[in-house]
């Protein structure tokens, strides 16, 4: 089944929306620019959130759903994946 939490869903939707708005604002309303911006924002938002609010310590903090955004994978991981995929598609 599809495993997620509401924090992860909100982070992903919010970052995707803001990424598209920023891409339009700077004049690059392509999907590659918007999703790259969204991916960077997902990394920047989820990593500090996990650092501050995760009940786990050590490496578990970064790879478990408690204390951070989770949308099948950790949101910070999805952000990195978005950036890599959009960079590959741009070439």
C-alpha atoms as a PDB file:
ATOM      1  CA  UNK A   1       0.000   0.000   0.000  1.00  0.00           C
ATOM      2  CA  UNK A   2       0.960   3.625  -0.402  1.00  0.00           C
ATOM      3  CA  UNK A   3       2.743   4.705   2.786  1.00  0.00           C
ATOM      4  CA  UNK A   4       2.710   8.425   3.645  1.00  0.00           C
ATOM      5  CA  UNK A   5       2.059  10.912   6.409  1.00  0.00           C
ATOM      6  CA  UNK A   6       0.285  14.259   6.247  1.00  0.00           C
ATOM      7  CA  UNK A   7       3.485  16.191   6.912  1.00  0.00           C
ATOM      8  CA  UNK A   8       5.099  14.593   3.868  1.00  0.00           C
ATOM      9  CA  UNK A   9       2.055  15.215   1.712  1.00  0.00           C
ATOM     10  CA  UNK A  10       1.887  18.863   2.792  1.00  0.00           C
ATOM     11  CA  UNK A  11       5.626  19.367   2.249  1.00  0.00           C
ATOM     12  CA  UNK A  12       5.515  17.820  -1.214  1.00  0.00           C
ATOM     13  CA  UNK A  13       2.418  19.675  -2.404  1.00  0.00           C
ATOM     14  CA  UNK A  14       3.552  22.966  -0.879  1.00  0.00           C
ATOM     15  CA  UNK A  15       7.044  22.767  -2.352  1.00  0.00           C
ATOM     16  CA  UNK A  16       5.715  21.748  -5.787  1.00  0.00           C
ATOM     17  CA  UNK A  17       3.282  24.673  -5.775  1.00  0.00           C
ATOM     18  CA  UNK A  18       5.887  27.194  -4.646  1.00  0.00           C
ATOM     19  CA  UNK A  19       8.396  25.735  -7.130  1.00  0.00           C
ATOM     20  CA  UNK A  20       5.979  26.310 -10.003  1.00  0.00           C
ATOM     21  CA  UNK A  21       5.212  29.845  -8.799  1.00  0.00           C
ATOM     22  CA  UNK A  22       8.914  30.711  -8.528  1.00  0.00           C
ATOM     23  CA  UNK A  23       9.621  29.230 -11.960  1.00  0.00           C
ATOM     24  CA  UNK A  24       6.851  31.357 -13.464  1.00  0.00           C
ATOM     25  CA  UNK A  25       8.042  34.415 -11.592  1.00  0.00           C
ATOM     26  CA  UNK A  26      11.609  34.120 -12.943  1.00  0.00           C
ATOM     27  CA  UNK A  27      10.336  33.462 -16.451  1.00  0.00           C
ATOM     28  CA  UNK A  28      11.128  29.749 -16.743  1.00  0.00           C
ATOM     29  CA  UNK A  29       7.732  28.093 -16.511  1.00  0.00           C
ATOM     30  CA  UNK A  30       9.030  24.703 -17.620  1.00  0.00           C
ATOM     31  CA  UNK A  31       8.468  21.607 -15.549  1.00  0.00           C
ATOM     32  CA  UNK A  32      12.211  20.944 -15.219  1.00  0.00           C
ATOM     33  CA  UNK A  33      12.930  24.268 -13.552  1.00  0.00           C
ATOM     34  CA  UNK A  34       9.851  24.092 -11.332  1.00  0.00           C
ATOM     35  CA  UNK A  35      10.512  20.564 -10.087  1.00  0.00           C
ATOM     36  CA  UNK A  36      14.210  21.275  -9.521  1.00  0.00           C
ATOM     37  CA  UNK A  37      13.261  24.246  -7.343  1.00  0.00           C
ATOM     38  CA  UNK A  38      10.657  22.117  -5.562  1.00  0.00           C
ATOM     39  CA  UNK A  39      13.221  19.353  -4.957  1.00  0.00           C
ATOM     40  CA  UNK A  40      15.711  21.762  -3.415  1.00  0.00           C
ATOM     41  CA  UNK A  41      12.973  23.202  -1.213  1.00  0.00           C
ATOM     42  CA  UNK A  42      11.930  19.712  -0.089  1.00  0.00           C
ATOM     43  CA  UNK A  43      15.490  18.988   0.996  1.00  0.00           C
ATOM     44  CA  UNK A  44      15.866  22.339   2.750  1.00  0.00           C
ATOM     45  CA  UNK A  45      12.543  22.012   4.597  1.00  0.00           C
ATOM     46  CA  UNK A  46      12.501  18.317   5.569  1.00  0.00           C
ATOM     47  CA  UNK A  47      16.111  17.969   6.774  1.00  0.00           C
ATOM     48  CA  UNK A  48      15.908  20.665   9.501  1.00  0.00           C
ATOM     49  CA  UNK A  49      12.404  19.477  10.441  1.00  0.00           C
ATOM     50  CA  UNK A  50      13.737  15.951  10.989  1.00  0.00           C
ATOM     51  CA  UNK A  51      16.757  17.263  12.876  1.00  0.00           C
ATOM     52  CA  UNK A  52      14.526  19.168  15.285  1.00  0.00           C
ATOM     53  CA  UNK A  53      11.412  17.016  15.721  1.00  0.00           C
ATOM     54  CA  UNK A  54      12.395  13.390  15.124  1.00  0.00           C
ATOM     55  CA  UNK A  55      12.034  11.119  18.166  1.00  0.00           C
ATOM     56  CA  UNK A  56      14.788   8.907  16.722  1.00  0.00           C
ATOM     57  CA  UNK A  57      18.503   9.565  16.954  1.00  0.00           C
ATOM     58  CA  UNK A  58      21.438   8.830  14.702  1.00  0.00           C
ATOM     59  CA  UNK A  59      20.845   7.475  11.223  1.00  0.00           C
ATOM     60  CA  UNK A  60      17.265   6.426  12.048  1.00  0.00           C
ATOM     61  CA  UNK A  61      16.299  10.095  12.151  1.00  0.00           C
ATOM     62  CA  UNK A  62      16.848  10.376   8.401  1.00  0.00           C
ATOM     63  CA  UNK A  63      15.202   7.161   7.205  1.00  0.00           C
ATOM     64  CA  UNK A  64      12.059   6.636   9.294  1.00  0.00           C
ATOM     65  CA  UNK A  65       8.650   8.254   8.920  1.00  0.00           C
ATOM     66  CA  UNK A  66       8.334   9.540  12.476  1.00  0.00           C
ATOM     67  CA  UNK A  67       9.406  13.129  12.916  1.00  0.00           C
ATOM     68  CA  UNK A  68       9.565  14.080   9.273  1.00  0.00           C
ATOM     69  CA  UNK A  69       7.884  14.043   5.921  1.00  0.00           C
ATOM     70  CA  UNK A  70       7.252  10.611   4.415  1.00  0.00           C
ATOM     71  CA  UNK A  71       5.763   9.927   0.991  1.00  0.00           C
ATOM     72  CA  UNK A  72       6.826   6.323   0.190  1.00  0.00           C
ATOM     73  CA  UNK A  73      10.380   7.598   0.822  1.00  0.00           C
ATOM     74  CA  UNK A  74      11.638  10.422   3.054  1.00  0.00           C
ATOM     75  CA  UNK A  75      10.748  13.804   1.562  1.00  0.00           C
ATOM     76  CA  UNK A  76      14.387  14.939   1.567  1.00  0.00           C
ATOM     77  CA  UNK A  77      15.238  11.867  -0.550  1.00  0.00           C
ATOM     78  CA  UNK A  78      12.406  12.645  -2.973  1.00  0.00           C
ATOM     79  CA  UNK A  79      13.740  16.189  -3.261  1.00  0.00           C
ATOM     80  CA  UNK A  80      17.178  14.928  -4.265  1.00  0.00           C
ATOM     81  CA  UNK A  81      15.532  12.482  -6.669  1.00  0.00           C
ATOM     82  CA  UNK A  82      13.482  15.289  -8.262  1.00  0.00           C
ATOM     83  CA  UNK A  83      16.617  17.355  -8.868  1.00  0.00           C
ATOM     84  CA  UNK A  84      18.587  14.433 -10.335  1.00  0.00           C
ATOM     85  CA  UNK A  85      15.769  13.311 -12.625  1.00  0.00           C
ATOM     86  CA  UNK A  86      15.114  16.827 -13.918  1.00  0.00           C
ATOM     87  CA  UNK A  87      18.844  17.388 -14.530  1.00  0.00           C
ATOM     88  CA  UNK A  88      19.013  14.155 -16.542  1.00  0.00           C
ATOM     89  CA  UNK A  89      15.901  15.087 -18.535  1.00  0.00           C
ATOM     90  CA  UNK A  90      17.331  18.528 -19.310  1.00  0.00           C
ATOM     91  CA  UNK A  91      20.309  17.041 -21.156  1.00  0.00           C
END
